[in-house]
Amino acid sequence: MTKSQDGPPAVELSGRARERAAELGVRRIALSLTHTRTLAAAMVVMED
């Protein structure tokens, strides 16, 4: 996960995950993050 100074967080794949995503034709990765004081959750959607 990466985050620019004024941009939203993003997913940056590397190694085998990057290779597999390319094999599957993944062109876009959407990331949603949320949290409360005691819990955190993330959801990732990969699109072709």
PDB file of N, CA and C in Angstrom:
ATOM      1  N   MET A   1       0.835  -1.151   0.000  1.00  0.00           N
ATOM      2  CA  MET A   1       0.000   0.000   0.000  1.00  0.00           C
ATOM      3  C   MET A   1       0.889   1.225   0.000  1.00  0.00           C
ATOM      4  N   THR A   2       0.524   2.195  -0.800  1.00  0.00           N
ATOM      5  CA  THR A   2       1.264   3.452  -0.857  1.00  0.00           C
ATOM      6  C   THR A   2       0.287   4.600  -0.651  1.00  0.00           C
ATOM      7  N   LYS A   3       0.816   5.763  -0.311  1.00  0.00           N
ATOM      8  CA  LYS A   3      -0.025   6.939  -0.133  1.00  0.00           C
ATOM      9  C   LYS A   3       0.781   8.164  -0.513  1.00  0.00           C
ATOM     10  N   SER A   4       0.219   8.951  -1.415  1.00  0.00           N
ATOM     11  CA  SER A   4       0.870  10.203  -1.762  1.00  0.00           C
ATOM     12  C   SER A   4       0.508  11.253  -0.720  1.00  0.00           C
ATOM     13  N   GLN A   5       1.180  12.384  -0.737  1.00  0.00           N
ATOM     14  CA  GLN A   5       0.934  13.416   0.270  1.00  0.00           C
ATOM     15  C   GLN A   5      -0.513  13.893   0.272  1.00  0.00           C
ATOM     16  N   ASP A   6      -1.081  14.140  -0.891  1.00  0.00           N
ATOM     17  CA  ASP A   6      -2.447  14.635  -0.921  1.00  0.00           C
ATOM     18  C   ASP A   6      -3.391  13.729  -1.699  1.00  0.00           C
ATOM     19  N   GLY A   7      -2.985  12.497  -1.928  1.00  0.00           N
ATOM     20  CA  GLY A   7      -3.834  11.577  -2.667  1.00  0.00           C
ATOM     21  C   GLY A   7      -4.327  10.433  -1.809  1.00  0.00           C
ATOM     22  N   PRO A   8      -5.213   9.644  -2.356  1.00  0.00           N
ATOM     23  CA  PRO A   8      -5.733   8.496  -1.609  1.00  0.00           C
ATOM     24  C   PRO A   8      -4.704   7.364  -1.548  1.00  0.00           C
ATOM     25  N   PRO A   9      -4.871   6.439  -0.625  1.00  0.00           N
ATOM     26  CA  PRO A   9      -3.981   5.285  -0.583  1.00  0.00           C
ATOM     27  C   PRO A   9      -4.186   4.424  -1.826  1.00  0.00           C
ATOM     28  N   ALA A  10      -3.163   3.701  -2.205  1.00  0.00           N
ATOM     29  CA  ALA A  10      -3.235   2.860  -3.398  1.00  0.00           C
ATOM     30  C   ALA A  10      -2.501   1.550  -3.139  1.00  0.00           C
ATOM     31  N   VAL A  11      -2.785   0.557  -3.965  1.00  0.00           N
ATOM     32  CA  VAL A  11      -2.123  -0.737  -3.876  1.00  0.00           C
ATOM     33  C   VAL A  11      -1.033  -0.791  -4.931  1.00  0.00           C
ATOM     34  N   GLU A  12       0.159  -1.188  -4.544  1.00  0.00           N
ATOM     35  CA  GLU A  12       1.261  -1.370  -5.480  1.00  0.00           C
ATOM     36  C   GLU A  12       1.741  -2.812  -5.352  1.00  0.00           C
ATOM     37  N   LEU A  13       1.471  -3.612  -6.370  1.00  0.00           N
ATOM     38  CA  LEU A  13       1.849  -5.023  -6.337  1.00  0.00           C
ATOM     39  C   LEU A  13       3.305  -5.199  -6.739  1.00  0.00           C
ATOM     40  N   SER A  14       3.912  -6.272  -6.251  1.00  0.00           N
ATOM     41  CA  SER A  14       5.288  -6.591  -6.642  1.00  0.00           C
ATOM     42  C   SER A  14       5.439  -8.106  -6.704  1.00  0.00           C
ATOM     43  N   GLY A  15       6.521  -8.533  -7.285  1.00  0.00           N
ATOM     44  CA  GLY A  15       6.839  -9.957  -7.329  1.00  0.00           C
ATOM     45  C   GLY A  15       5.766 -10.798  -7.983  1.00  0.00           C
ATOM     46  N   ARG A  16       5.502 -11.945  -7.379  1.00  0.00           N
ATOM     47  CA  ARG A  16       4.538 -12.903  -7.941  1.00  0.00           C
ATOM     48  C   ARG A  16       3.132 -12.318  -8.017  1.00  0.00           C
ATOM     49  N   ALA A  17       2.747 -11.496  -7.038  1.00  0.00           N
ATOM     50  CA  ALA A  17       1.414 -10.886  -7.071  1.00  0.00           C
ATOM     51  C   ALA A  17       1.258 -10.003  -8.308  1.00  0.00           C
ATOM     52  N   ARG A  18       2.300  -9.262  -8.636  1.00  0.00           N
ATOM     53  CA  ARG A  18       2.263  -8.407  -9.834  1.00  0.00           C
ATOM     54  C   ARG A  18       2.181  -9.257 -11.100  1.00  0.00           C
ATOM     55  N   GLU A  19       2.962 -10.327 -11.139  1.00  0.00           N
ATOM     56  CA  GLU A  19       2.948 -11.227 -12.295  1.00  0.00           C
ATOM     57  C   GLU A  19       1.566 -11.857 -12.484  1.00  0.00           C
ATOM     58  N   ARG A  20       0.991 -12.333 -11.389  1.00  0.00           N
ATOM     59  CA  ARG A  20      -0.311 -13.000 -11.468  1.00  0.00           C
ATOM     60  C   ARG A  20      -1.406 -12.022 -11.884  1.00  0.00           C
ATOM     61  N   ALA A  21      -1.363 -10.823 -11.363  1.00  0.00           N
ATOM     62  CA  ALA A  21      -2.342  -9.806 -11.757  1.00  0.00           C
ATOM     63  C   ALA A  21      -2.241  -9.533 -13.258  1.00  0.00           C
ATOM     64  N   ALA A  22      -1.021  -9.467 -13.777  1.00  0.00           N
ATOM     65  CA  ALA A  22      -0.832  -9.254 -15.216  1.00  0.00           C
ATOM     66  C   ALA A  22      -1.388 -10.435 -16.005  1.00  0.00           C
ATOM     67  N   GLU A  23      -1.153 -11.648 -15.534  1.00  0.00           N
ATOM     68  CA  GLU A  23      -1.691 -12.840 -16.202  1.00  0.00           C
ATOM     69  C   GLU A  23      -3.214 -12.801 -16.258  1.00  0.00           C
ATOM     70  N   LEU A  24      -3.824 -12.297 -15.213  1.00  0.00           N
ATOM     71  CA  LEU A  24      -5.284 -12.237 -15.126  1.00  0.00           C
ATOM     72  C   LEU A  24      -5.866 -11.015 -15.841  1.00  0.00           C
ATOM     73  N   GLY A  25      -5.006 -10.138 -16.332  1.00  0.00           N
ATOM     74  CA  GLY A  25      -5.471  -8.954 -17.055  1.00  0.00           C
ATOM     75  C   GLY A  25      -5.940  -7.825 -16.158  1.00  0.00           C
ATOM     76  N   VAL A  26      -5.474  -7.794 -14.915  1.00  0.00           N
ATOM     77  CA  VAL A  26      -5.868  -6.723 -14.002  1.00  0.00           C
ATOM     78  C   VAL A  26      -5.310  -5.400 -14.517  1.00  0.00           C
ATOM     79  N   ARG A  27      -6.194  -4.429 -14.671  1.00  0.00           N
ATOM     80  CA  ARG A  27      -5.784  -3.102 -15.147  1.00  0.00           C
ATOM     81  C   ARG A  27      -6.016  -2.018 -14.105  1.00  0.00           C
ATOM     82  N   ARG A  28      -6.897  -2.290 -13.158  1.00  0.00           N
ATOM     83  CA  ARG A  28      -7.217  -1.284 -12.140  1.00  0.00           C
ATOM     84  C   ARG A  28      -7.420  -1.978 -10.798  1.00  0.00           C
ATOM     85  N   ILE A  29      -6.878  -1.362  -9.756  1.00  0.00           N
ATOM     86  CA  ILE A  29      -7.060  -1.872  -8.402  1.00  0.00           C
ATOM     87  C   ILE A  29      -7.673  -0.748  -7.569  1.00  0.00           C
ATOM     88  N   ALA A  30      -8.878  -0.994  -7.064  1.00  0.00           N
ATOM     89  CA  ALA A  30      -9.557  -0.019  -6.206  1.00  0.00           C
ATOM     90  C   ALA A  30      -9.399  -0.452  -4.754  1.00  0.00           C
ATOM     91  N   LEU A  31      -9.131   0.487  -3.893  1.00  0.00           N
ATOM     92  CA  LEU A  31      -8.898   0.215  -2.480  1.00  0.00           C
ATOM     93  C   LEU A  31      -9.805   1.092  -1.635  1.00  0.00           C
ATOM     94  N   SER A  32     -10.481   0.485  -0.670  1.00  0.00           N
ATOM     95  CA  SER A  32     -11.312   1.226   0.270  1.00  0.00           C
ATOM     96  C   SER A  32     -10.870   0.874   1.679  1.00  0.00           C
ATOM     97  N   LEU A  33     -10.639   1.893   2.488  1.00  0.00           N
ATOM     98  CA  LEU A  33     -10.224   1.697   3.879  1.00  0.00           C
ATOM     99  C   LEU A  33     -11.217   2.387   4.811  1.00  0.00           C
ATOM    100  N   THR A  34     -11.431   1.794   5.963  1.00  0.00           N
ATOM    101  CA  THR A  34     -12.276   2.408   6.982  1.00  0.00           C
ATOM    102  C   THR A  34     -11.781   1.981   8.356  1.00  0.00           C
ATOM    103  N   HIS A  35     -12.114   2.757   9.356  1.00  0.00           N
ATOM    104  CA  HIS A  35     -11.714   2.378  10.703  1.00  0.00           C
ATOM    105  C   HIS A  35     -12.593   3.067  11.752  1.00  0.00           C
ATOM    106  N   THR A  36     -12.609   2.461  12.912  1.00  0.00           N
ATOM    107  CA  THR A  36     -13.187   3.057  14.107  1.00  0.00           C
ATOM    108  C   THR A  36     -12.082   3.076  15.143  1.00  0.00           C
ATOM    109  N   ARG A  37     -12.417   3.405  16.339  1.00  0.00           N
ATOM    110  CA  ARG A  37     -11.404   3.421  17.384  1.00  0.00           C
ATOM    111  C   ARG A  37     -10.809   2.047  17.645  1.00  0.00           C
ATOM    112  N   THR A  38     -11.599   0.992  17.449  1.00  0.00           N
ATOM    113  CA  THR A  38     -11.135  -0.349  17.806  1.00  0.00           C
ATOM    114  C   THR A  38     -11.011  -1.319  16.637  1.00  0.00           C
ATOM    115  N   LEU A  39     -11.514  -0.960  15.453  1.00  0.00           N
ATOM    116  CA  LEU A  39     -11.489  -1.864  14.313  1.00  0.00           C
ATOM    117  C   LEU A  39     -11.010  -1.157  13.054  1.00  0.00           C
ATOM    118  N   ALA A  40     -10.461  -1.950  12.138  1.00  0.00           N
ATOM    119  CA  ALA A  40     -10.080  -1.419  10.830  1.00  0.00           C
ATOM    120  C   ALA A  40     -10.454  -2.463   9.783  1.00  0.00           C
ATOM    121  N   ALA A  41     -10.790  -1.982   8.582  1.00  0.00           N
ATOM    122  CA  ALA A  41     -11.148  -2.892   7.497  1.00  0.00           C
ATOM    123  C   ALA A  41     -10.666  -2.318   6.169  1.00  0.00           C
ATOM    124  N   ALA A  42     -10.353  -3.227   5.261  1.00  0.00           N
ATOM    125  CA  ALA A  42      -9.951  -2.832   3.918  1.00  0.00           C
ATOM    126  C   ALA A  42     -10.664  -3.732   2.916  1.00  0.00           C
ATOM    127  N   MET A  43     -10.980  -3.165   1.756  1.00  0.00           N
ATOM    128  CA  MET A  43     -11.571  -3.950   0.664  1.00  0.00           C
ATOM    129  C   MET A  43     -10.842  -3.572  -0.618  1.00  0.00           C
ATOM    130  N   VAL A  44     -10.467  -4.600  -1.367  1.00  0.00           N
ATOM    131  CA  VAL A  44      -9.749  -4.396  -2.619  1.00  0.00           C
ATOM    132  C   VAL A  44     -10.536  -5.042  -3.740  1.00  0.00           C
ATOM    133  N   VAL A  45     -10.712  -4.311  -4.831  1.00  0.00           N
ATOM    134  CA  VAL A  45     -11.377  -4.836  -6.030  1.00  0.00           C
ATOM    135  C   VAL A  45     -10.401  -4.688  -7.186  1.00  0.00           C
ATOM    136  N   MET A  46     -10.155  -5.806  -7.886  1.00  0.00           N
ATOM    137  CA  MET A  46      -9.279  -5.785  -9.058  1.00  0.00           C
ATOM    138  C   MET A  46     -10.148  -5.936 -10.299  1.00  0.00           C
ATOM    139  N   GLU A  47      -9.958  -5.043 -11.257  1.00  0.00           N
ATOM    140  CA  GLU A  47     -10.775  -5.030 -12.474  1.00  0.00           C
ATOM    141  C   GLU A  47      -9.905  -5.208 -13.706  1.00  0.00           C
ATOM    142  N   ASP A  48     -10.504  -5.819 -14.721  1.00  0.00           N
ATOM    143  CA  ASP A  48      -9.790  -5.943 -15.998  1.00  0.00           C
ATOM    144  C   ASP A  48     -10.244  -4.894 -16.967  1.00  0.00           C
TER     145      ASP A  48
END
